[in-house]
Structure formats: structure tokens, C-alpha cells
Amino acid sequence: MQEHFQGLGHVAIYTRDIEESIAFYEKLGGAVKGRGGVTTPAGEKKLALVFFGGITLELIQSPTDMPMGEGNVPHFALLVDDLDAATAAVRAAGVDTFLTPEKKVLPDLFGGLQNWFFAGPSGEQIELLQML
């Protein structure tokens, strides 16, 4: 299973105002790597990838109010070389807590990606992320 994991893909952070958060991280030396959005039943979820301090932050502005403070980091992403093989390896290790029945393929988001979320033992969300 280890052969598929390439490192930390990103850390996701909920934000009240994505523009304000981007400006904050840029002021500290961060750089926007990409912007996008995902349509949800409640409206568009705004997204931005910001490279900061040697890692990538995924800023998320939800179309609905999200709780802020402790716990506003909704998931972390593991960058993988082959999503299908990594998923099979996770399942072979006895993990079957995937949050959806199928992976998501988002060819227009951040240059193209596919991902699949599963839950850890305390409910933490872990994203397997393959950039296309």
C-alpha cells in the first residue's frame, strides 16, 4: 500500500470569506496555485489552493454557514499516484468507510483531479487525491 502514497496533498480549511483568506496568506508570502468551485445543493462551494509554508492549503468557502474555531479543518488529503490502486490497497487493509459509493472525477478543477474520501476511526475525513 505504501508505494501509492506520495505525501501530503493538502490541508483543507473552512473560511468565512475566501478573498479575505487568500489576501491573508498572500500577505504572509503564500501564492495561489488554483481557484475553482463545486456546485452543491446549497449553492457553489468556492475553493482555492494556496501554497504556504511548504504545504498546500485548500481554502473552502461553503455556501452555508460553517462552524469556525476548533474543528474548522474538515479533512486532510493524501496525494497518490494511482487512485484506483490506492483505494484497493486501503480496502485490502480492511478499511471500508468510504463516504460515497464511487470516486469523484473533476476534470476541470485545479487542472483535473479525482478523489475519494473515507473516514478514520474518530470520524476524521481522509481524502485520497490523484491529480490528473
N, C-alpha and C. Protein backbone atom coordinates (compact mmCIF):
# COMPACT_ATOMS: atom_id res chain seq x y z
N MET A 1 0.83 -1.19 0.00
CA MET A 1 0.00 0.00 0.00
C MET A 1 0.87 1.25 0.00
N GLN A 2 1.98 1.25 0.72
CA GLN A 2 2.85 2.43 0.84
C GLN A 2 3.31 2.97 -0.51
N GLU A 3 3.48 2.10 -1.49
CA GLU A 3 4.03 2.53 -2.77
C GLU A 3 3.15 3.53 -3.50
N HIS A 4 1.88 3.62 -3.13
CA HIS A 4 0.98 4.55 -3.81
C HIS A 4 0.95 5.93 -3.16
N PHE A 5 1.36 6.05 -1.91
CA PHE A 5 1.29 7.33 -1.21
C PHE A 5 2.52 8.17 -1.53
N GLN A 6 2.28 9.42 -1.95
CA GLN A 6 3.35 10.30 -2.35
C GLN A 6 3.59 11.44 -1.37
N GLY A 7 2.72 11.61 -0.40
CA GLY A 7 2.90 12.68 0.58
C GLY A 7 1.59 13.38 0.86
N LEU A 8 1.69 14.45 1.61
CA LEU A 8 0.52 15.24 1.96
C LEU A 8 0.06 16.02 0.74
N GLY A 9 -1.19 15.84 0.35
CA GLY A 9 -1.73 16.56 -0.80
C GLY A 9 -2.10 17.98 -0.44
N HIS A 10 -2.84 18.15 0.65
CA HIS A 10 -3.21 19.48 1.13
C HIS A 10 -3.91 19.34 2.47
N VAL A 11 -4.06 20.47 3.15
CA VAL A 11 -4.87 20.57 4.36
C VAL A 11 -6.01 21.52 4.02
N ALA A 12 -7.24 21.08 4.25
CA ALA A 12 -8.41 21.89 3.92
C ALA A 12 -8.83 22.72 5.13
N ILE A 13 -9.18 23.98 4.87
CA ILE A 13 -9.57 24.90 5.93
C ILE A 13 -10.83 25.64 5.49
N TYR A 14 -11.88 25.58 6.32
CA TYR A 14 -13.07 26.38 6.06
C TYR A 14 -12.77 27.85 6.32
N THR A 15 -13.33 28.72 5.51
CA THR A 15 -13.15 30.16 5.67
C THR A 15 -14.50 30.85 5.49
N ARG A 16 -14.69 31.94 6.22
CA ARG A 16 -15.92 32.73 6.07
C ARG A 16 -15.92 33.51 4.76
N ASP A 17 -14.72 33.99 4.37
CA ASP A 17 -14.57 34.84 3.18
C ASP A 17 -13.29 34.42 2.48
N ILE A 18 -13.43 33.75 1.36
CA ILE A 18 -12.27 33.19 0.67
C ILE A 18 -11.30 34.28 0.20
N GLU A 19 -11.82 35.42 -0.24
CA GLU A 19 -10.95 36.51 -0.70
C GLU A 19 -10.12 37.07 0.46
N GLU A 20 -10.74 37.23 1.60
CA GLU A 20 -10.02 37.70 2.78
C GLU A 20 -8.94 36.70 3.19
N SER A 21 -9.24 35.42 3.13
CA SER A 21 -8.27 34.40 3.50
C SER A 21 -7.11 34.35 2.50
N ILE A 22 -7.43 34.46 1.22
CA ILE A 22 -6.36 34.49 0.21
C ILE A 22 -5.44 35.68 0.46
N ALA A 23 -6.01 36.84 0.68
CA ALA A 23 -5.21 38.05 0.94
C ALA A 23 -4.33 37.86 2.18
N PHE A 24 -4.86 37.22 3.22
CA PHE A 24 -4.10 36.97 4.44
C PHE A 24 -2.89 36.10 4.14
N TYR A 25 -3.09 34.98 3.45
CA TYR A 25 -1.97 34.07 3.18
C TYR A 25 -0.99 34.66 2.17
N GLU A 26 -1.47 35.47 1.23
CA GLU A 26 -0.56 36.15 0.30
C GLU A 26 0.29 37.16 1.04
N LYS A 27 -0.30 37.86 2.01
CA LYS A 27 0.45 38.84 2.80
C LYS A 27 1.60 38.17 3.55
N LEU A 28 1.40 36.90 3.90
CA LEU A 28 2.42 36.14 4.62
C LEU A 28 3.37 35.39 3.69
N GLY A 29 3.26 35.64 2.38
CA GLY A 29 4.16 35.02 1.42
C GLY A 29 3.57 33.85 0.65
N GLY A 30 2.32 33.54 0.86
CA GLY A 30 1.67 32.45 0.14
C GLY A 30 1.37 32.84 -1.29
N ALA A 31 1.11 31.83 -2.12
CA ALA A 31 0.79 32.06 -3.53
C ALA A 31 -0.38 31.17 -3.95
N VAL A 32 -1.33 31.75 -4.65
CA VAL A 32 -2.48 31.00 -5.14
C VAL A 32 -2.02 30.08 -6.26
N LYS A 33 -2.33 28.80 -6.13
CA LYS A 33 -1.99 27.80 -7.16
C LYS A 33 -3.19 27.50 -8.06
N GLY A 34 -4.40 27.77 -7.57
CA GLY A 34 -5.58 27.48 -8.37
C GLY A 34 -6.84 27.92 -7.66
N ARG A 35 -7.86 28.14 -8.45
CA ARG A 35 -9.19 28.50 -7.93
C ARG A 35 -10.22 27.67 -8.66
N GLY A 36 -11.34 27.46 -7.98
CA GLY A 36 -12.41 26.72 -8.62
C GLY A 36 -13.65 26.73 -7.76
N GLY A 37 -14.59 25.93 -8.15
CA GLY A 37 -15.83 25.82 -7.40
C GLY A 37 -16.49 24.49 -7.69
N VAL A 38 -17.31 24.08 -6.76
CA VAL A 38 -18.08 22.85 -6.89
C VAL A 38 -19.53 23.18 -6.59
N THR A 39 -20.42 22.77 -7.48
CA THR A 39 -21.83 23.01 -7.27
C THR A 39 -22.38 22.02 -6.25
N THR A 40 -23.07 22.53 -5.24
CA THR A 40 -23.72 21.70 -4.23
C THR A 40 -25.21 22.06 -4.21
N PRO A 41 -26.04 21.26 -3.57
CA PRO A 41 -27.46 21.60 -3.49
C PRO A 41 -27.72 22.96 -2.84
N ALA A 42 -26.82 23.40 -1.95
CA ALA A 42 -26.99 24.68 -1.26
C ALA A 42 -26.42 25.86 -2.04
N GLY A 43 -25.70 25.60 -3.14
CA GLY A 43 -25.07 26.66 -3.91
C GLY A 43 -23.62 26.30 -4.21
N GLU A 44 -22.87 27.26 -4.74
CA GLU A 44 -21.49 26.98 -5.12
C GLU A 44 -20.56 27.02 -3.91
N LYS A 45 -19.74 25.99 -3.79
CA LYS A 45 -18.69 25.95 -2.78
C LYS A 45 -17.43 26.49 -3.47
N LYS A 46 -16.91 27.63 -2.97
CA LYS A 46 -15.73 28.26 -3.55
C LYS A 46 -14.47 27.61 -2.98
N LEU A 47 -13.49 27.37 -3.86
CA LEU A 47 -12.26 26.70 -3.46
C LEU A 47 -11.05 27.46 -3.98
N ALA A 48 -9.97 27.40 -3.22
CA ALA A 48 -8.69 27.95 -3.68
C ALA A 48 -7.57 27.12 -3.08
N LEU A 49 -6.55 26.87 -3.88
CA LEU A 49 -5.34 26.22 -3.40
C LEU A 49 -4.28 27.30 -3.21
N VAL A 50 -3.71 27.35 -2.02
CA VAL A 50 -2.69 28.34 -1.70
C VAL A 50 -1.47 27.61 -1.17
N PHE A 51 -0.32 27.82 -1.84
CA PHE A 51 0.93 27.24 -1.37
C PHE A 51 1.49 28.17 -0.31
N PHE A 52 1.69 27.62 0.87
CA PHE A 52 2.11 28.44 2.01
C PHE A 52 2.95 27.59 2.97
N GLY A 53 4.13 28.07 3.29
CA GLY A 53 4.96 27.41 4.29
C GLY A 53 5.33 25.98 3.95
N GLY A 54 5.48 25.69 2.67
CA GLY A 54 5.89 24.36 2.26
C GLY A 54 4.76 23.36 2.11
N ILE A 55 3.52 23.78 2.34
CA ILE A 55 2.38 22.88 2.15
C ILE A 55 1.32 23.60 1.31
N THR A 56 0.36 22.86 0.86
CA THR A 56 -0.76 23.44 0.13
C THR A 56 -1.98 23.47 1.04
N LEU A 57 -2.59 24.64 1.14
CA LEU A 57 -3.85 24.80 1.86
C LEU A 57 -4.97 24.84 0.84
N GLU A 58 -6.05 24.11 1.11
CA GLU A 58 -7.25 24.23 0.30
C GLU A 58 -8.23 25.06 1.10
N LEU A 59 -8.46 26.29 0.67
CA LEU A 59 -9.42 27.17 1.34
C LEU A 59 -10.80 26.87 0.80
N ILE A 60 -11.78 26.72 1.69
CA ILE A 60 -13.14 26.36 1.29
C ILE A 60 -14.11 27.36 1.88
N GLN A 61 -14.86 28.03 1.01
CA GLN A 61 -15.95 28.89 1.45
C GLN A 61 -17.25 28.19 1.08
N SER A 62 -17.94 27.71 2.09
CA SER A 62 -19.20 27.00 1.88
C SER A 62 -20.31 27.98 1.56
N PRO A 63 -21.31 27.55 0.77
CA PRO A 63 -22.45 28.43 0.50
C PRO A 63 -23.34 28.61 1.73
N THR A 64 -23.14 27.81 2.76
CA THR A 64 -23.90 27.93 4.00
C THR A 64 -22.93 28.20 5.14
N ASP A 65 -23.42 28.68 6.25
CA ASP A 65 -22.57 28.96 7.40
C ASP A 65 -21.94 27.68 7.92
N MET A 66 -20.64 27.74 8.19
CA MET A 66 -19.91 26.62 8.77
C MET A 66 -19.39 27.04 10.14
N PRO A 67 -19.35 26.13 11.09
CA PRO A 67 -18.78 26.48 12.38
C PRO A 67 -17.30 26.81 12.23
N MET A 68 -16.86 27.83 12.91
CA MET A 68 -15.46 28.24 12.86
C MET A 68 -14.83 28.01 14.24
N GLY A 69 -13.53 28.02 14.29
CA GLY A 69 -12.82 27.77 15.54
C GLY A 69 -12.19 26.40 15.48
N GLU A 70 -12.09 25.73 16.63
CA GLU A 70 -11.55 24.38 16.64
C GLU A 70 -12.41 23.50 15.76
N GLY A 71 -11.78 22.69 14.96
CA GLY A 71 -12.53 21.78 14.11
C GLY A 71 -12.86 22.34 12.74
N ASN A 72 -12.28 23.50 12.36
CA ASN A 72 -12.60 24.02 11.03
C ASN A 72 -11.65 23.46 9.97
N VAL A 73 -10.91 22.43 10.31
CA VAL A 73 -10.10 21.70 9.33
C VAL A 73 -10.88 20.43 9.00
N PRO A 74 -11.61 20.42 7.87
CA PRO A 74 -12.53 19.32 7.60
C PRO A 74 -11.89 18.02 7.13
N HIS A 75 -10.70 18.09 6.52
CA HIS A 75 -10.05 16.85 6.08
C HIS A 75 -8.59 17.12 5.76
N PHE A 76 -7.84 16.03 5.60
CA PHE A 76 -6.51 16.15 5.02
C PHE A 76 -6.45 15.21 3.83
N ALA A 77 -5.61 15.55 2.86
CA ALA A 77 -5.53 14.79 1.62
C ALA A 77 -4.18 14.12 1.50
N LEU A 78 -4.21 12.86 1.12
CA LEU A 78 -3.00 12.12 0.80
C LEU A 78 -2.87 12.06 -0.71
N LEU A 79 -1.76 12.56 -1.22
CA LEU A 79 -1.51 12.55 -2.65
C LEU A 79 -1.11 11.13 -3.05
N VAL A 80 -1.78 10.58 -4.06
CA VAL A 80 -1.48 9.22 -4.52
C VAL A 80 -1.16 9.24 -6.00
N ASP A 81 -0.43 8.22 -6.44
CA ASP A 81 -0.06 8.12 -7.85
C ASP A 81 -1.13 7.43 -8.69
N ASP A 82 -1.96 6.60 -8.06
CA ASP A 82 -2.99 5.84 -8.77
C ASP A 82 -4.15 5.66 -7.80
N LEU A 83 -5.22 6.42 -8.00
CA LEU A 83 -6.34 6.41 -7.05
C LEU A 83 -6.98 5.02 -6.94
N ASP A 84 -7.17 4.36 -8.05
CA ASP A 84 -7.83 3.05 -8.01
C ASP A 84 -6.97 2.03 -7.25
N ALA A 85 -5.67 2.03 -7.51
CA ALA A 85 -4.79 1.09 -6.82
C ALA A 85 -4.69 1.42 -5.33
N ALA A 86 -4.61 2.71 -5.00
CA ALA A 86 -4.53 3.12 -3.59
C ALA A 86 -5.82 2.75 -2.86
N THR A 87 -6.96 2.95 -3.51
CA THR A 87 -8.25 2.59 -2.91
C THR A 87 -8.31 1.08 -2.66
N ALA A 88 -7.87 0.30 -3.64
CA ALA A 88 -7.87 -1.15 -3.48
C ALA A 88 -6.97 -1.57 -2.32
N ALA A 89 -5.83 -0.90 -2.17
CA ALA A 89 -4.91 -1.23 -1.08
C ALA A 89 -5.52 -0.87 0.28
N VAL A 90 -6.21 0.26 0.36
CA VAL A 90 -6.87 0.66 1.61
C VAL A 90 -7.96 -0.36 1.95
N ARG A 91 -8.74 -0.73 0.97
CA ARG A 91 -9.79 -1.74 1.20
C ARG A 91 -9.18 -3.09 1.62
N ALA A 92 -8.07 -3.48 0.98
CA ALA A 92 -7.41 -4.74 1.32
C ALA A 92 -6.88 -4.74 2.75
N ALA A 93 -6.62 -3.53 3.27
CA ALA A 93 -6.16 -3.41 4.66
C ALA A 93 -7.33 -3.48 5.65
N GLY A 94 -8.55 -3.66 5.12
CA GLY A 94 -9.71 -3.81 5.98
C GLY A 94 -10.51 -2.55 6.22
N VAL A 95 -10.18 -1.49 5.51
CA VAL A 95 -10.90 -0.23 5.68
C VAL A 95 -12.02 -0.17 4.64
N ASP A 96 -13.25 0.00 5.12
CA ASP A 96 -14.38 0.14 4.19
C ASP A 96 -15.32 1.22 4.71
N THR A 97 -14.75 2.39 4.95
CA THR A 97 -15.53 3.52 5.46
C THR A 97 -15.58 4.64 4.43
N PHE A 98 -15.58 4.28 3.14
CA PHE A 98 -15.64 5.30 2.09
C PHE A 98 -16.98 6.01 2.16
N LEU A 99 -16.97 7.30 1.96
CA LEU A 99 -18.16 8.14 2.18
C LEU A 99 -19.11 8.16 1.00
N THR A 100 -18.67 7.73 -0.15
CA THR A 100 -19.52 7.65 -1.33
C THR A 100 -19.27 6.31 -2.01
N PRO A 101 -20.24 5.85 -2.80
CA PRO A 101 -20.05 4.56 -3.45
C PRO A 101 -19.03 4.58 -4.59
N GLU A 102 -18.73 5.77 -5.12
CA GLU A 102 -17.79 5.89 -6.23
C GLU A 102 -16.87 7.08 -6.02
N LYS A 103 -15.73 7.02 -6.68
CA LYS A 103 -14.80 8.15 -6.66
C LYS A 103 -15.42 9.31 -7.43
N LYS A 104 -14.89 10.52 -7.18
CA LYS A 104 -15.28 11.70 -7.96
C LYS A 104 -14.18 11.99 -8.96
N VAL A 105 -14.57 12.31 -10.17
CA VAL A 105 -13.63 12.74 -11.20
C VAL A 105 -14.03 14.16 -11.57
N LEU A 106 -13.12 15.10 -11.35
CA LEU A 106 -13.37 16.52 -11.59
C LEU A 106 -12.32 17.04 -12.58
N PRO A 107 -12.54 16.84 -13.88
CA PRO A 107 -11.52 17.17 -14.87
C PRO A 107 -11.22 18.66 -15.01
N ASP A 108 -12.13 19.53 -14.56
CA ASP A 108 -11.94 20.96 -14.73
C ASP A 108 -11.48 21.68 -13.47
N LEU A 109 -11.37 20.97 -12.35
CA LEU A 109 -11.00 21.59 -11.09
C LEU A 109 -9.50 21.48 -10.87
N PHE A 110 -8.82 22.60 -10.72
CA PHE A 110 -7.38 22.66 -10.45
C PHE A 110 -6.56 21.86 -11.46
N GLY A 111 -6.93 21.91 -12.72
CA GLY A 111 -6.19 21.20 -13.75
C GLY A 111 -6.58 19.74 -13.89
N GLY A 112 -7.55 19.30 -13.15
CA GLY A 112 -8.06 17.94 -13.21
C GLY A 112 -7.61 17.10 -12.02
N LEU A 113 -8.59 16.46 -11.41
CA LEU A 113 -8.27 15.59 -10.28
C LEU A 113 -9.35 14.54 -10.14
N GLN A 114 -9.00 13.49 -9.41
CA GLN A 114 -10.00 12.53 -8.97
C GLN A 114 -9.71 12.23 -7.51
N ASN A 115 -10.78 11.99 -6.74
CA ASN A 115 -10.58 11.76 -5.32
C ASN A 115 -11.65 10.84 -4.76
N TRP A 116 -11.37 10.39 -3.53
CA TRP A 116 -12.31 9.53 -2.82
C TRP A 116 -12.03 9.73 -1.34
N PHE A 117 -13.06 10.02 -0.58
CA PHE A 117 -12.94 10.26 0.86
C PHE A 117 -13.35 9.01 1.63
N PHE A 118 -12.62 8.76 2.73
CA PHE A 118 -13.04 7.74 3.68
C PHE A 118 -12.84 8.29 5.09
N ALA A 119 -13.44 7.63 6.06
CA ALA A 119 -13.37 8.10 7.45
C ALA A 119 -12.41 7.27 8.26
N GLY A 120 -11.71 7.96 9.18
CA GLY A 120 -10.85 7.29 10.14
C GLY A 120 -11.67 6.87 11.36
N PRO A 121 -11.02 6.28 12.34
CA PRO A 121 -11.75 5.71 13.47
C PRO A 121 -12.48 6.72 14.35
N SER A 122 -12.08 7.98 14.31
CA SER A 122 -12.76 9.01 15.11
C SER A 122 -13.64 9.90 14.24
N GLY A 123 -13.89 9.47 13.01
CA GLY A 123 -14.73 10.24 12.11
C GLY A 123 -13.96 11.24 11.26
N GLU A 124 -12.63 11.33 11.45
CA GLU A 124 -11.86 12.26 10.62
C GLU A 124 -11.95 11.82 9.16
N GLN A 125 -12.00 12.82 8.27
CA GLN A 125 -12.09 12.52 6.85
C GLN A 125 -10.72 12.57 6.22
N ILE A 126 -10.44 11.55 5.43
CA ILE A 126 -9.16 11.41 4.74
C ILE A 126 -9.47 11.33 3.24
N GLU A 127 -8.81 12.17 2.49
CA GLU A 127 -9.02 12.20 1.03
C GLU A 127 -7.85 11.53 0.35
N LEU A 128 -8.13 10.57 -0.52
CA LEU A 128 -7.13 10.05 -1.45
C LEU A 128 -7.26 10.92 -2.69
N LEU A 129 -6.16 11.56 -3.11
CA LEU A 129 -6.19 12.58 -4.15
C LEU A 129 -5.18 12.25 -5.24
N GLN A 130 -5.67 12.15 -6.47
CA GLN A 130 -4.78 11.98 -7.63
C GLN A 130 -5.01 13.16 -8.56
N MET A 131 -3.94 13.90 -8.83
CA MET A 131 -4.02 14.99 -9.79
C MET A 131 -3.89 14.38 -11.19
N LEU A 132 -4.71 14.87 -12.11
CA LEU A 132 -4.70 14.29 -13.47
C LEU A 132 -3.79 15.08 -14.39
